[in-house]
Structures are given as C-alpha cells and as structure tokens.
C-alpha cells in the first residue's frame, strides 16, 4: 500500500488523497467512515479529502445517506493523473528556452547594494541608531 500511496503522490495527490484512492481502488465503493478507517485518515479530514477528490473528478458520490464514494477504476484514475502531469511537463518544456534567456539576461552588476537597517523590536526608529 505504501508504494501505491507514494506513486499517487508523485502524480500530484496529497498523502490523504492517495490513501483514500487506494481504499477505493481496493473496495470499489465505500462510505467516508470506511475510507477513514481503512486509509488511516482522521475523521475530521475525510470529508475535505473526499471533496477534493470529487473536485478533481477522480471519484463520485452517491446521493442519500449514507453516501457511498466510488472511483471509476485504478487504470482510468492513473491515466487521468498521468495525462495531467504530462501536460504540465509539456508546458514546462515549452517555456524552458524562454526561461533560460531571461535567466541569462539577469544583471546585478549595476545595482548598488541595498542598505540594511537594523531596528530594535522595542525601540522606535528615533531611539535606535541606524547605520
């Protein structure tokens, strides 16, 4: 389970989100209480975690009580996360040359060193000698 959690974290999920997903991969569907217990996620955090997974469109929630949370399947979820990560890398690669040009153009040689003023936290500026 630890390997699965770490892999999901590399794909952009938090640890609690990853734990919840692993539970749903194994169970197919479960209540928040079950996900909390099996995933070792604090009950005070589980609804926030599940809502964030819903917002990412990785899981769905049934109406009614108790609510059951479902995921479409491990392969579909992993493909979705991998696709998103791949798109982010493509954007970074596309901007790399431009970033390098900007970095190489940075010139600090003409900037005077900034004066650092030390001010005592209790004394006012007038009471403290600045240098």
N, C-alpha and C. Protein backbone atom coordinates (compact mmCIF):
# COMPACT_ATOMS: atom_id res chain seq x y z
N UNK A 1 0.83 -1.20 0.00
CA UNK A 1 0.00 0.00 0.00
C UNK A 1 0.87 1.26 0.00
N UNK A 2 2.00 1.23 0.70
CA UNK A 2 2.90 2.38 0.78
C UNK A 2 3.38 2.78 -0.61
N UNK A 3 3.74 1.79 -1.43
CA UNK A 3 4.20 2.09 -2.80
C UNK A 3 3.12 2.79 -3.61
N UNK A 4 1.88 2.33 -3.46
CA UNK A 4 0.76 2.93 -4.18
C UNK A 4 0.56 4.39 -3.76
N UNK A 5 0.65 4.62 -2.46
CA UNK A 5 0.47 5.98 -1.93
C UNK A 5 1.56 6.89 -2.46
N UNK A 6 2.79 6.43 -2.43
CA UNK A 6 3.91 7.24 -2.93
C UNK A 6 3.77 7.52 -4.42
N UNK A 7 3.33 6.52 -5.17
CA UNK A 7 3.14 6.71 -6.61
C UNK A 7 2.07 7.77 -6.88
N UNK A 8 0.96 7.69 -6.17
CA UNK A 8 -0.11 8.67 -6.34
C UNK A 8 0.36 10.06 -5.91
N UNK A 9 1.21 10.13 -4.91
CA UNK A 9 1.75 11.43 -4.51
C UNK A 9 2.64 12.01 -5.61
N UNK A 10 3.42 11.16 -6.28
CA UNK A 10 4.23 11.64 -7.39
C UNK A 10 3.36 12.17 -8.52
N UNK A 11 2.13 11.67 -8.60
CA UNK A 11 1.21 12.13 -9.64
C UNK A 11 0.42 13.37 -9.21
N UNK A 12 0.71 13.87 -8.00
CA UNK A 12 0.11 15.14 -7.60
C UNK A 12 -0.92 15.09 -6.50
N UNK A 13 -1.22 13.92 -5.96
CA UNK A 13 -2.18 13.84 -4.87
C UNK A 13 -1.47 14.00 -3.53
N UNK A 14 -2.22 14.46 -2.53
CA UNK A 14 -1.68 14.53 -1.18
C UNK A 14 -1.65 13.13 -0.59
N UNK A 15 -1.04 13.00 0.57
CA UNK A 15 -1.00 11.68 1.20
C UNK A 15 -2.39 11.18 1.54
N UNK A 16 -3.23 12.04 2.13
CA UNK A 16 -4.59 11.60 2.47
C UNK A 16 -5.41 11.28 1.23
N UNK A 17 -5.28 12.09 0.19
CA UNK A 17 -5.98 11.79 -1.06
C UNK A 17 -5.52 10.45 -1.61
N UNK A 18 -4.23 10.20 -1.55
CA UNK A 18 -3.68 8.94 -2.04
C UNK A 18 -4.19 7.76 -1.23
N UNK A 19 -4.24 7.92 0.07
CA UNK A 19 -4.75 6.84 0.93
C UNK A 19 -6.21 6.53 0.60
N UNK A 20 -7.00 7.58 0.42
CA UNK A 20 -8.42 7.39 0.08
C UNK A 20 -8.56 6.68 -1.26
N UNK A 21 -7.75 7.07 -2.23
CA UNK A 21 -7.84 6.44 -3.55
C UNK A 21 -7.48 4.96 -3.48
N UNK A 22 -6.45 4.61 -2.72
CA UNK A 22 -6.05 3.21 -2.60
C UNK A 22 -7.19 2.39 -1.99
N UNK A 23 -7.86 2.95 -0.99
CA UNK A 23 -9.01 2.25 -0.40
C UNK A 23 -10.10 2.05 -1.46
N UNK A 24 -10.38 3.10 -2.21
CA UNK A 24 -11.43 2.98 -3.24
C UNK A 24 -11.01 2.07 -4.39
N UNK A 25 -9.73 2.03 -4.72
CA UNK A 25 -9.26 1.07 -5.73
C UNK A 25 -9.55 -0.35 -5.27
N UNK A 26 -9.30 -0.62 -4.00
CA UNK A 26 -9.47 -1.97 -3.46
C UNK A 26 -10.93 -2.33 -3.22
N UNK A 27 -11.72 -1.38 -2.75
CA UNK A 27 -13.11 -1.67 -2.37
C UNK A 27 -14.11 -1.39 -3.48
N UNK A 28 -13.78 -0.51 -4.40
CA UNK A 28 -14.74 -0.13 -5.44
C UNK A 28 -15.63 1.01 -5.00
N UNK A 29 -16.27 0.83 -3.85
CA UNK A 29 -17.07 1.89 -3.25
C UNK A 29 -17.04 1.72 -1.74
N UNK A 30 -17.19 2.85 -1.03
CA UNK A 30 -17.15 2.80 0.42
C UNK A 30 -17.71 4.09 0.99
N UNK A 31 -18.11 4.03 2.24
CA UNK A 31 -18.57 5.23 2.94
C UNK A 31 -17.35 6.01 3.43
N UNK A 32 -17.58 7.24 3.81
CA UNK A 32 -16.50 8.07 4.33
C UNK A 32 -15.89 7.44 5.57
N UNK A 33 -16.72 6.87 6.43
CA UNK A 33 -16.23 6.24 7.65
C UNK A 33 -15.32 5.06 7.33
N UNK A 34 -15.71 4.24 6.38
CA UNK A 34 -14.89 3.10 5.98
C UNK A 34 -13.56 3.56 5.38
N UNK A 35 -13.63 4.56 4.51
CA UNK A 35 -12.41 5.09 3.89
C UNK A 35 -11.49 5.67 4.96
N UNK A 36 -12.07 6.36 5.91
CA UNK A 36 -11.29 6.94 7.00
C UNK A 36 -10.57 5.86 7.80
N UNK A 37 -11.30 4.81 8.16
CA UNK A 37 -10.71 3.74 8.97
C UNK A 37 -9.66 2.95 8.19
N UNK A 38 -10.01 2.50 6.99
CA UNK A 38 -9.08 1.68 6.22
C UNK A 38 -7.87 2.46 5.72
N UNK A 39 -8.08 3.74 5.43
CA UNK A 39 -7.00 4.57 4.92
C UNK A 39 -6.20 5.27 5.99
N UNK A 40 -6.62 5.07 7.24
CA UNK A 40 -5.95 5.73 8.37
C UNK A 40 -5.91 7.25 8.16
N UNK A 41 -7.09 7.79 7.82
CA UNK A 41 -7.27 9.23 7.61
C UNK A 41 -8.13 9.74 8.74
N UNK A 42 -7.73 10.81 9.42
CA UNK A 42 -8.55 11.32 10.52
C UNK A 42 -9.97 11.63 10.04
N UNK A 43 -10.93 11.27 10.86
CA UNK A 43 -12.34 11.50 10.51
C UNK A 43 -12.61 12.99 10.32
N UNK A 44 -11.86 13.84 11.03
CA UNK A 44 -12.03 15.28 10.89
C UNK A 44 -11.58 15.79 9.52
N UNK A 45 -10.80 15.00 8.79
CA UNK A 45 -10.28 15.41 7.48
C UNK A 45 -10.93 14.70 6.31
N UNK A 46 -11.62 13.60 6.56
CA UNK A 46 -12.05 12.72 5.47
C UNK A 46 -12.98 13.42 4.48
N UNK A 47 -13.92 14.23 4.96
CA UNK A 47 -14.87 14.85 4.04
C UNK A 47 -14.17 15.90 3.16
N UNK A 48 -13.22 16.61 3.73
CA UNK A 48 -12.44 17.57 2.94
C UNK A 48 -11.63 16.84 1.87
N UNK A 49 -11.04 15.72 2.24
CA UNK A 49 -10.24 14.92 1.30
C UNK A 49 -11.13 14.39 0.17
N UNK A 50 -12.27 13.84 0.53
CA UNK A 50 -13.18 13.28 -0.48
C UNK A 50 -13.73 14.36 -1.40
N UNK A 51 -14.01 15.54 -0.84
CA UNK A 51 -14.50 16.66 -1.66
C UNK A 51 -13.42 17.08 -2.66
N UNK A 52 -12.17 17.11 -2.22
CA UNK A 52 -11.08 17.50 -3.13
C UNK A 52 -10.92 16.48 -4.26
N UNK A 53 -11.14 15.21 -3.96
CA UNK A 53 -11.06 14.18 -5.00
C UNK A 53 -12.24 14.29 -5.97
N UNK A 54 -13.40 14.66 -5.44
CA UNK A 54 -14.56 14.91 -6.31
C UNK A 54 -14.28 16.10 -7.23
N UNK A 55 -13.69 17.16 -6.67
CA UNK A 55 -13.37 18.36 -7.46
C UNK A 55 -12.40 18.03 -8.59
N UNK A 56 -11.51 17.07 -8.35
CA UNK A 56 -10.55 16.64 -9.38
C UNK A 56 -11.19 15.64 -10.35
N UNK A 57 -12.46 15.32 -10.11
CA UNK A 57 -13.23 14.37 -10.93
C UNK A 57 -12.60 12.99 -10.95
N UNK A 58 -12.04 12.58 -9.79
CA UNK A 58 -11.46 11.25 -9.68
C UNK A 58 -12.43 10.28 -9.02
N UNK A 59 -13.39 10.81 -8.25
CA UNK A 59 -14.38 9.96 -7.60
C UNK A 59 -15.75 10.60 -7.74
N UNK A 60 -16.77 9.80 -7.48
CA UNK A 60 -18.14 10.31 -7.45
C UNK A 60 -18.77 9.92 -6.12
N UNK A 61 -19.84 10.62 -5.79
CA UNK A 61 -20.53 10.38 -4.53
C UNK A 61 -22.00 10.15 -4.80
N UNK A 62 -22.57 9.15 -4.16
CA UNK A 62 -23.99 8.86 -4.35
C UNK A 62 -24.82 9.78 -3.47
N UNK A 63 -26.03 10.12 -3.92
CA UNK A 63 -26.90 10.92 -3.05
C UNK A 63 -27.47 10.04 -1.94
N UNK A 64 -28.02 10.66 -0.94
CA UNK A 64 -28.64 9.92 0.16
C UNK A 64 -27.68 9.68 1.30
N UNK A 65 -28.18 8.94 2.26
CA UNK A 65 -27.37 8.65 3.44
C UNK A 65 -27.44 7.17 3.74
N UNK A 66 -26.37 6.51 4.02
CA UNK A 66 -25.03 7.07 3.97
C UNK A 66 -24.59 7.26 2.53
N UNK A 67 -23.70 8.18 2.33
CA UNK A 67 -23.16 8.43 1.00
C UNK A 67 -22.08 7.42 0.70
N UNK A 68 -22.09 6.92 -0.52
CA UNK A 68 -21.06 5.99 -0.96
C UNK A 68 -20.19 6.69 -2.00
N UNK A 69 -18.91 6.56 -1.81
CA UNK A 69 -17.93 7.15 -2.73
C UNK A 69 -17.40 6.05 -3.62
N UNK A 70 -17.28 6.38 -4.92
CA UNK A 70 -16.83 5.41 -5.92
C UNK A 70 -15.76 6.04 -6.81
N UNK A 71 -14.90 5.19 -7.32
CA UNK A 71 -13.96 5.66 -8.35
C UNK A 71 -14.15 4.75 -9.57
N UNK A 72 -13.88 5.28 -10.75
CA UNK A 72 -14.12 4.51 -11.97
C UNK A 72 -13.20 3.31 -12.14
N UNK A 73 -12.11 3.27 -11.42
CA UNK A 73 -11.15 2.18 -11.54
C UNK A 73 -9.75 2.72 -11.53
N UNK A 74 -8.83 1.91 -11.06
CA UNK A 74 -7.45 2.37 -10.91
C UNK A 74 -6.84 2.81 -12.22
N UNK A 75 -7.05 2.05 -13.28
CA UNK A 75 -6.41 2.39 -14.56
C UNK A 75 -6.89 3.73 -15.09
N UNK A 76 -8.19 3.97 -15.02
CA UNK A 76 -8.73 5.24 -15.51
C UNK A 76 -8.22 6.42 -14.68
N UNK A 77 -8.18 6.25 -13.37
CA UNK A 77 -7.70 7.32 -12.50
C UNK A 77 -6.22 7.60 -12.77
N UNK A 78 -5.42 6.53 -12.85
CA UNK A 78 -3.99 6.72 -13.11
C UNK A 78 -3.76 7.37 -14.47
N UNK A 79 -4.51 6.97 -15.48
CA UNK A 79 -4.38 7.59 -16.80
C UNK A 79 -4.70 9.08 -16.76
N UNK A 80 -5.74 9.42 -16.02
CA UNK A 80 -6.13 10.83 -15.90
C UNK A 80 -5.03 11.63 -15.21
N UNK A 81 -4.49 11.10 -14.13
CA UNK A 81 -3.42 11.80 -13.40
C UNK A 81 -2.14 11.89 -14.23
N UNK A 82 -1.81 10.82 -14.94
CA UNK A 82 -0.62 10.83 -15.80
C UNK A 82 -0.77 11.83 -16.93
N UNK A 83 -1.95 11.91 -17.52
CA UNK A 83 -2.20 12.85 -18.60
C UNK A 83 -2.01 14.28 -18.11
N UNK A 84 -2.55 14.57 -16.93
CA UNK A 84 -2.42 15.91 -16.36
C UNK A 84 -0.96 16.24 -16.08
N UNK A 85 -0.22 15.30 -15.53
CA UNK A 85 1.20 15.50 -15.23
C UNK A 85 1.98 15.69 -16.54
N UNK A 86 1.65 14.90 -17.56
CA UNK A 86 2.32 15.00 -18.85
C UNK A 86 2.10 16.38 -19.47
N UNK A 87 0.88 16.89 -19.39
CA UNK A 87 0.58 18.22 -19.94
C UNK A 87 1.38 19.29 -19.21
N UNK A 88 1.50 19.15 -17.89
CA UNK A 88 2.28 20.12 -17.11
C UNK A 88 3.75 20.10 -17.53
N UNK A 89 4.29 18.92 -17.75
CA UNK A 89 5.69 18.80 -18.18
C UNK A 89 5.86 19.40 -19.57
N UNK A 90 4.91 19.19 -20.47
CA UNK A 90 4.99 19.76 -21.81
C UNK A 90 5.01 21.29 -21.76
N UNK A 91 4.21 21.87 -20.88
CA UNK A 91 4.20 23.34 -20.72
C UNK A 91 5.56 23.81 -20.21
N UNK A 92 6.10 23.11 -19.22
CA UNK A 92 7.41 23.48 -18.68
C UNK A 92 8.51 23.38 -19.74
N UNK A 93 8.47 22.33 -20.54
CA UNK A 93 9.46 22.16 -21.61
C UNK A 93 9.34 23.26 -22.66
N UNK A 94 8.11 23.63 -22.98
CA UNK A 94 7.88 24.68 -23.98
C UNK A 94 8.40 26.03 -23.50
N UNK A 95 8.36 26.27 -22.21
CA UNK A 95 8.80 27.55 -21.65
C UNK A 95 10.27 27.55 -21.26
N UNK A 96 10.94 26.42 -21.35
CA UNK A 96 12.32 26.30 -20.89
C UNK A 96 13.26 27.28 -21.58
N UNK A 97 13.26 27.35 -22.90
CA UNK A 97 14.17 28.23 -23.64
C UNK A 97 13.94 29.69 -23.27
N UNK A 98 12.68 30.08 -23.18
CA UNK A 98 12.37 31.46 -22.79
C UNK A 98 12.89 31.75 -21.38
N UNK A 99 12.69 30.81 -20.48
CA UNK A 99 13.18 30.99 -19.10
C UNK A 99 14.71 31.10 -19.07
N UNK A 100 15.37 30.29 -19.87
CA UNK A 100 16.83 30.35 -19.92
C UNK A 100 17.31 31.71 -20.44
N UNK A 101 16.64 32.24 -21.44
CA UNK A 101 17.01 33.56 -21.96
C UNK A 101 16.86 34.63 -20.88
N UNK A 102 15.78 34.58 -20.16
CA UNK A 102 15.54 35.55 -19.10
C UNK A 102 16.59 35.40 -18.00
N UNK A 103 16.91 34.17 -17.64
CA UNK A 103 17.91 33.92 -16.60
C UNK A 103 19.26 34.46 -17.03
N UNK A 104 19.65 34.21 -18.27
CA UNK A 104 20.95 34.67 -18.76
C UNK A 104 21.01 36.19 -18.89
N UNK A 105 19.86 36.84 -19.00
CA UNK A 105 19.83 38.30 -19.14
C UNK A 105 19.84 39.02 -17.79
N UNK A 106 19.71 38.32 -16.71
CA UNK A 106 19.72 38.96 -15.39
C UNK A 106 21.10 39.54 -15.13
N UNK A 107 21.10 40.81 -14.73
CA UNK A 107 22.37 41.50 -14.49
C UNK A 107 22.27 42.28 -13.19
N UNK A 108 23.02 41.86 -12.20
CA UNK A 108 23.03 42.53 -10.91
C UNK A 108 24.23 43.47 -10.77
N UNK A 109 25.05 43.56 -11.79
CA UNK A 109 26.31 44.33 -11.67
C UNK A 109 26.08 45.83 -11.48
N UNK A 110 25.00 46.39 -11.97
CA UNK A 110 24.76 47.83 -11.86
C UNK A 110 23.90 48.22 -10.66
N UNK A 111 23.51 47.27 -9.87
CA UNK A 111 22.65 47.58 -8.73
C UNK A 111 23.50 47.83 -7.50
N UNK A 112 23.31 48.96 -6.86
CA UNK A 112 24.06 49.20 -5.62
C UNK A 112 23.54 48.26 -4.53
N UNK A 113 24.43 47.94 -3.63
CA UNK A 113 24.00 47.09 -2.53
C UNK A 113 22.97 47.86 -1.71
N UNK A 114 21.92 47.17 -1.32
CA UNK A 114 20.88 47.81 -0.53
C UNK A 114 21.35 47.97 0.91
N UNK A 115 21.01 49.12 1.48
CA UNK A 115 21.34 49.35 2.89
C UNK A 115 20.40 48.53 3.75
N UNK A 116 20.98 47.85 4.67
CA UNK A 116 20.17 47.08 5.60
C UNK A 116 20.06 47.88 6.88
N UNK A 117 18.83 48.15 7.28
CA UNK A 117 18.60 48.88 8.51
C UNK A 117 18.20 47.91 9.60
N UNK A 118 18.91 48.01 10.69
CA UNK A 118 18.58 47.16 11.82
C UNK A 118 17.77 47.99 12.80
N UNK A 119 16.59 47.55 13.11
CA UNK A 119 15.72 48.26 14.03
C UNK A 119 15.40 47.33 15.18
N UNK A 120 15.59 47.83 16.36
CA UNK A 120 15.30 47.05 17.56
C UNK A 120 13.80 46.88 17.65
N UNK A 121 13.31 45.68 18.01
CA UNK A 121 11.86 45.46 18.01
C UNK A 121 11.11 46.27 19.05
N UNK A 122 11.78 46.76 20.09
CA UNK A 122 11.09 47.51 21.13
C UNK A 122 11.31 49.02 20.97
N UNK A 123 12.51 49.41 20.59
CA UNK A 123 12.82 50.82 20.45
C UNK A 123 12.30 51.35 19.12
N UNK A 124 11.89 52.60 19.11
CA UNK A 124 11.43 53.21 17.86
C UNK A 124 12.63 53.58 17.00
N UNK A 125 12.38 53.97 15.78
CA UNK A 125 13.46 54.33 14.85
C UNK A 125 14.24 55.52 15.43
N UNK A 126 13.55 56.47 16.05
CA UNK A 126 14.21 57.64 16.61
C UNK A 126 15.13 57.28 17.76
N UNK A 127 14.82 56.24 18.51
CA UNK A 127 15.60 55.85 19.68
C UNK A 127 16.77 54.94 19.33
N UNK A 128 16.75 54.44 18.13
CA UNK A 128 17.75 53.46 17.75
C UNK A 128 18.66 54.02 16.68
N UNK A 129 19.94 53.90 16.87
CA UNK A 129 20.86 54.44 15.88
C UNK A 129 20.91 53.56 14.65
N UNK A 130 20.62 54.14 13.52
CA UNK A 130 20.67 53.39 12.27
C UNK A 130 22.05 53.55 11.65
N UNK A 131 22.52 52.47 11.03
CA UNK A 131 23.80 52.57 10.33
C UNK A 131 23.77 51.94 9.01
